[in-house]
Amino acid sequence: MKRIHAPYPLLKCLLPVLMVTLFGQCKSDTKNPQENNEQAQVLDTFAFSSNPVKVPEQEVKTLEIGSKAPDFNLPGTDGKDHSLSDYDSAEVLAIIFTCNHCPTAQAYEERIKSITSDYKDKNVQVVAISPNSPLGLLPEELGYSDLGDTYEDMVIRDEDMNFNFPYLYDGDNQKVSLAYGPAATPHTFVFDKQRSLQYVGRIDDTEKPGTTNGEDLRNAIDKILADEEIKEPVTKTFGCSTKWGWKTKNREKIDAEWAEKEVALEESSTDEINKLIANDSEKLRLINVWATWCAPCRIEYPEFVTIQRMFGARDFEFISISADKLSKKESALDFLISTNSALKNYIAINDDKYELIEAIDPEWNGALPYTMLIEPGGDVVWSYQGEVDFLELKKTIVEHPMMGRVY
């Protein structure tokens, strides 16, 4: 696969003494991936500002057949507020609770788009609502996505997928979601013209994309349009459980456990580092070369730890290589401890930086930070010299053939 070297501007490090060293020319990526982007303008101009809060724990009941659609007024990824009354003219209203991060939810995105398009001329309105509180979502739950469930991330997902339906955010207080009671994402609620619930449950019975076409949801819509009885108005749904705003204790527990993990910094020879690059493992390997004296390295490093937490349960691993002198090992270890870098960390025993450069990548000019994504067998599929665009990197990881967005 082709190696990608992204362009970057040259920035000098702040400390002049470092400029005489080989790694003294720190590269910093200043590009904004959403610059001049229509969706970025939504975030800049829309009056809404997300503020998720902890929600009191309570029993959640799924809306029963025959119930009236609970009212709502929620911000959409289009930069507008959306209310139930906005869709009064629709003969059928299908409200689908879904989200960014869930592999099952992502598996159904194209089917939701297809249904929206196919029934547009039949006066059927599809509305998607993300019910999840960002407070209840762990990095470990993001292994099939490049995005979380914040409003800002929803805007990005809408742009990436070109949704043809409204995508609304209910992650602040979850008032609307509590009224409807979605058990998982996706969970569908279909209402007739009088906004009486006629169907609740799955979109169809097979998660894998390309195998089904939303038959259960389509059948419900067709029956309502024909004023006919839906034989199975309630079906079970399958997907990621709704992330309610009271599920913060688990996040605090896992964060605390991660912070208590042992952090070590292993000394490695040039030959051993060569083997890391060769990647004889069965995992997709991300390597970041950094140093304590490189300000951009220190600033971005914690995000790499988050990436390990996101994808570490899959065929993926993150490895850090410190370019500090061996005499500065303790300082490097202190930094790693401060970032909870409980993963594979290495420091070269040879202070010959040119030898280290050649061992890591002969095409690398030696400026820090430097990041590589390596397939088993040593094929570098992505590399970047400078501060990483983490949205781009996470997207590259999750869309790699070894990973994927669907379980």
Foldseek 3Di string as FASTA:
>chain_A
DDEDEDDFDWDFDPDVVLCVDLQRGATAHPDDPCVVNPLVVLVVPQPDDAAADFEDDDDFDADDFQDFQDWDWFAWSNSHTDIPVVLLQAQKEKEWAAFAQWLLLVLCQVLLQVVCVVCVVVRYAYAYEHQAAQLQDALQSRQQGLDDGDSSRNNVVCVVSVRPHTYGYNRRHSPSCSVRRDFAPTKMWMAGSSRGTQAIEEQDDDRHHPPDRSVLVVVSVVCRSVVHHDPPRYDHYDIHGGRHSNNNVVNVVVVVVLLPADFDEAEDELVVLLVVLQAQDQAWEKEKEEEPSGVLCLVQVLVVQSVCSNNVVARYFYEYEYLDAPVCVVVVRVSCSVSSVNGHHYYYPDNPQVSNCVSNPPVDSNHDTKMFTAHNRNDTHYIYRHRDPSSVVSVCVSPPPRHHNHD
